[in-house]
């Protein structure tokens, strides 16, 4: 485990110290701060409703459930359990570009949440028309850049981000399966009992 941690720290330093450019600093801060880039999710929601109509509410519900599962897994379970100190507080020479509280590092909830949204887009639109597949690609790129930005600004190790990506993808799939089960086994029978047709 010490060797894995050492490799993780070395890759972090390589990204945080050498894979940087002053012109990218503001972009990475923008991507890493949800309060700055949250309007991108509003555009994503608008895309969902344009493509899915009233069914878009179900897609949004799945996305919110996925983010909830991902965020709780990363921040509510793994961070208190693992208690990994963030690199900005233990690595000399770390470039820290944002204000960071003394919270734990593993796993990255930013990476988990963005990957959860991207995975829901892939599940819903991955086999759709060209414009939908382009949107899936853009959401995947956004999730990757959010994760990369967490290393770039100095608050997460690469291992934290990779774990977050895995959690997000799993959460998206789990949310879709849970929602599908609830719809088929709870909502549809309820609607039938109330006299609504299947359509």
Protein backbone atom coordinates (compact mmCIF):
# COMPACT_ATOMS: atom_id res chain seq x y z
CA UNK A 1 0.00 0.00 0.00
CA UNK A 2 2.96 2.35 0.72
CA UNK A 3 4.27 1.79 -2.81
CA UNK A 4 0.85 2.57 -4.28
CA UNK A 5 0.67 5.72 -2.20
CA UNK A 6 4.14 6.78 -3.30
CA UNK A 7 3.27 6.28 -6.96
CA UNK A 8 0.05 8.24 -6.42
CA UNK A 9 2.04 11.10 -4.85
CA UNK A 10 4.58 11.12 -7.68
CA UNK A 11 1.88 11.28 -10.35
CA UNK A 12 0.17 14.04 -8.39
CA UNK A 13 3.37 16.10 -8.29
CA UNK A 14 3.94 15.53 -12.01
CA UNK A 15 0.47 16.81 -12.88
CA UNK A 16 0.33 19.57 -10.27
CA UNK A 17 3.84 20.90 -10.94
CA UNK A 18 4.65 20.20 -14.58
CA UNK A 19 1.38 19.69 -16.48
CA UNK A 20 0.37 23.28 -15.79
CA UNK A 21 0.19 26.61 -17.58
CA UNK A 22 -0.88 30.05 -16.31
CA UNK A 23 -3.47 30.23 -19.10
CA UNK A 24 -5.15 27.07 -17.71
CA UNK A 25 -5.28 28.13 -14.07
CA UNK A 26 -8.55 30.08 -14.31
CA UNK A 27 -10.18 27.34 -16.41
CA UNK A 28 -9.26 24.66 -13.87
CA UNK A 29 -10.57 26.76 -10.99
CA UNK A 30 -13.78 27.32 -12.97
CA UNK A 31 -14.20 23.59 -13.58
CA UNK A 32 -13.36 22.57 -10.03
CA UNK A 33 -15.82 24.98 -8.37
CA UNK A 34 -19.41 23.77 -8.89
CA UNK A 35 -20.77 27.14 -7.83
CA UNK A 36 -18.99 28.65 -10.86
CA UNK A 37 -19.85 25.98 -13.43
CA UNK A 38 -23.29 24.94 -12.15
CA UNK A 39 -25.00 26.64 -15.10
CA UNK A 40 -23.53 23.91 -17.31
CA UNK A 41 -25.84 21.46 -15.55
CA UNK A 42 -28.78 23.73 -16.30
CA UNK A 43 -27.85 23.52 -19.98
CA UNK A 44 -27.62 19.74 -19.65
CA UNK A 45 -31.09 19.66 -18.07
CA UNK A 46 -32.45 21.81 -20.89
CA UNK A 47 -30.98 19.36 -23.40
CA UNK A 48 -32.69 16.49 -21.60
CA UNK A 49 -36.11 18.14 -21.76
CA UNK A 50 -35.66 19.13 -25.41
CA UNK A 51 -34.79 15.56 -26.38
CA UNK A 52 -37.09 13.66 -23.99
CA UNK A 53 -40.05 15.98 -23.35
CA UNK A 54 -42.04 15.00 -20.27
CA UNK A 55 -39.89 11.89 -19.89
CA UNK A 56 -37.08 14.27 -19.07
CA UNK A 57 -38.39 14.45 -15.50
CA UNK A 58 -37.58 10.76 -15.10
CA UNK A 59 -34.07 11.29 -16.50
CA UNK A 60 -33.50 14.20 -14.12
CA UNK A 61 -34.73 12.06 -11.21
CA UNK A 62 -32.31 9.29 -12.17
CA UNK A 63 -29.48 11.81 -12.40
CA UNK A 64 -30.25 13.29 -8.99
CA UNK A 65 -30.45 9.82 -7.46
CA UNK A 66 -27.11 8.91 -9.06
CA UNK A 67 -25.44 12.04 -7.69
CA UNK A 68 -26.92 11.39 -4.26
CA UNK A 69 -25.57 7.84 -4.20
CA UNK A 70 -22.17 8.94 -5.51
CA UNK A 71 -21.80 11.85 -3.12
CA UNK A 72 -22.83 9.83 -0.07
CA UNK A 73 -20.51 6.96 -1.01
CA UNK A 74 -17.50 9.24 -1.54
CA UNK A 75 -18.06 11.83 1.21
CA UNK A 76 -20.33 10.04 3.68
CA UNK A 77 -18.67 6.62 3.72
CA UNK A 78 -15.18 6.53 2.22
CA UNK A 79 -13.74 9.86 3.40
CA UNK A 80 -14.45 9.22 7.12
CA UNK A 81 -13.44 5.58 6.73
CA UNK A 82 -10.11 6.08 4.90
CA UNK A 83 -9.22 9.50 6.38
CA UNK A 84 -6.63 10.31 3.75
CA UNK A 85 -5.07 13.76 4.17
CA UNK A 86 -5.26 15.99 1.11
CA UNK A 87 -2.00 16.45 -0.81
CA UNK A 88 -2.02 20.23 -0.35
CA UNK A 89 -1.50 19.70 3.39
CA UNK A 90 1.31 17.11 3.25
CA UNK A 91 3.28 17.61 0.02
CA UNK A 92 5.87 20.36 -0.10
CA UNK A 93 5.73 22.51 -3.23
CA UNK A 94 2.06 21.76 -3.96
CA UNK A 95 0.37 24.41 -6.11
CA UNK A 96 -2.87 25.15 -4.26
CA UNK A 97 -5.13 27.36 -6.36
CA UNK A 98 -8.28 27.40 -4.20
CA UNK A 99 -9.20 27.77 -0.55
CA UNK A 100 -9.47 24.29 0.91
CA UNK A 101 -10.82 23.23 4.27
CA UNK A 102 -9.26 20.43 6.31
CA UNK A 103 -11.50 17.70 4.94
CA UNK A 104 -10.39 14.26 3.80
CA UNK A 105 -9.28 13.35 0.30
CA UNK A 106 -10.34 9.81 -0.66
CA UNK A 107 -12.49 9.60 -2.70
CA UNK A 108 -13.13 12.69 -4.80
CA UNK A 109 -16.81 13.55 -4.55
CA UNK A 110 -16.42 16.06 -7.41
CA UNK A 111 -15.18 13.29 -9.69
CA UNK A 112 -17.86 10.91 -8.42
CA UNK A 113 -20.72 13.37 -8.94
CA UNK A 114 -19.67 14.49 -12.42
CA UNK A 115 -19.07 10.89 -13.49
CA UNK A 116 -22.50 9.92 -12.15
CA UNK A 117 -24.14 12.54 -14.37
CA UNK A 118 -22.05 11.51 -17.37
CA UNK A 119 -22.92 7.84 -16.86
CA UNK A 120 -26.64 8.62 -16.77
CA UNK A 121 -26.24 10.52 -20.04
CA UNK A 122 -24.45 7.51 -21.53
CA UNK A 123 -27.18 5.11 -20.39
CA UNK A 124 -30.02 7.30 -21.67
CA UNK A 125 -28.51 8.81 -24.82
CA UNK A 126 -25.57 6.55 -25.70
CA UNK A 127 -27.46 4.79 -28.49
CA UNK A 128 -29.42 7.81 -29.63
CA UNK A 129 -29.10 10.15 -32.56
CA UNK A 130 -25.86 11.87 -33.49
CA UNK A 131 -26.57 15.01 -31.46
CA UNK A 132 -27.30 12.88 -28.39
CA UNK A 133 -24.09 10.90 -28.76
CA UNK A 134 -22.17 14.16 -29.13
CA UNK A 135 -23.72 15.35 -25.87
CA UNK A 136 -22.69 12.11 -24.17
CA UNK A 137 -19.13 12.70 -25.34
CA UNK A 138 -19.19 16.30 -24.07
CA UNK A 139 -20.49 15.22 -20.66
CA UNK A 140 -17.79 12.56 -20.45
CA UNK A 141 -15.16 15.18 -21.31
CA UNK A 142 -16.59 17.50 -18.68
CA UNK A 143 -16.45 14.76 -16.04
CA UNK A 144 -12.84 13.96 -16.97
CA UNK A 145 -11.83 17.63 -16.80
CA UNK A 146 -13.53 18.09 -13.43
CA UNK A 147 -11.55 15.15 -12.08
CA UNK A 148 -8.32 16.41 -13.65
CA UNK A 149 -8.92 19.88 -12.23
CA UNK A 150 -8.98 18.45 -8.70
CA UNK A 151 -5.39 17.29 -9.17
CA UNK A 152 -4.39 20.44 -11.02
CA UNK A 153 -5.58 22.79 -8.25
CA UNK A 154 -3.86 20.66 -5.60
CA UNK A 155 -6.64 19.09 -3.53
CA UNK A 156 -6.76 15.45 -4.70
CA UNK A 157 -4.44 12.62 -5.60
CA UNK A 158 -4.99 10.83 -8.93
CA UNK A 159 -6.12 7.76 -6.98
CA UNK A 160 -8.85 9.83 -5.32
CA UNK A 161 -10.10 10.93 -8.73
CA UNK A 162 -10.00 7.45 -10.27
CA UNK A 163 -11.94 6.08 -7.32
CA UNK A 164 -14.44 8.90 -7.74
CA UNK A 165 -14.89 8.05 -11.41
CA UNK A 166 -15.54 4.40 -10.53
CA UNK A 167 -18.04 5.38 -7.83
CA UNK A 168 -19.82 7.74 -10.22
CA UNK A 169 -20.17 5.17 -12.99
CA UNK A 170 -21.46 2.55 -10.57
CA UNK A 171 -23.87 5.07 -9.03
CA UNK A 172 -25.29 6.01 -12.42
CA UNK A 173 -25.95 2.38 -13.29
CA UNK A 174 -27.39 1.62 -9.86
CA UNK A 175 -29.69 4.65 -9.98
CA UNK A 176 -30.98 3.64 -13.40
CA UNK A 177 -31.65 0.06 -12.26
CA UNK A 178 -33.36 1.21 -9.05
CA UNK A 179 -35.55 3.69 -10.89
CA UNK A 180 -36.45 1.14 -13.58
CA UNK A 181 -37.38 -1.43 -10.93
CA UNK A 182 -39.49 1.09 -9.00
CA UNK A 183 -41.24 2.23 -12.17
CA UNK A 184 -42.12 -1.30 -13.31
CA UNK A 185 -43.00 -2.76 -9.92
CA UNK A 186 -44.44 0.20 -8.03
CA UNK A 187 -45.51 3.07 -10.26
CA UNK A 188 -47.00 1.14 -13.21
CA UNK A 189 -49.17 -1.14 -11.01
CA UNK A 190 -50.30 1.91 -9.05
CA UNK A 191 -51.30 3.75 -12.22
CA UNK A 192 -53.20 0.70 -13.46
CA UNK A 193 -55.14 0.48 -10.20
CA UNK A 194 -55.99 4.17 -10.55
CA UNK A 195 -57.38 3.53 -14.02
CA UNK A 196 -54.59 4.99 -16.14
CA UNK A 197 -53.60 3.21 -19.34
CA UNK A 198 -50.06 1.98 -20.02
CA UNK A 199 -49.57 4.85 -22.43
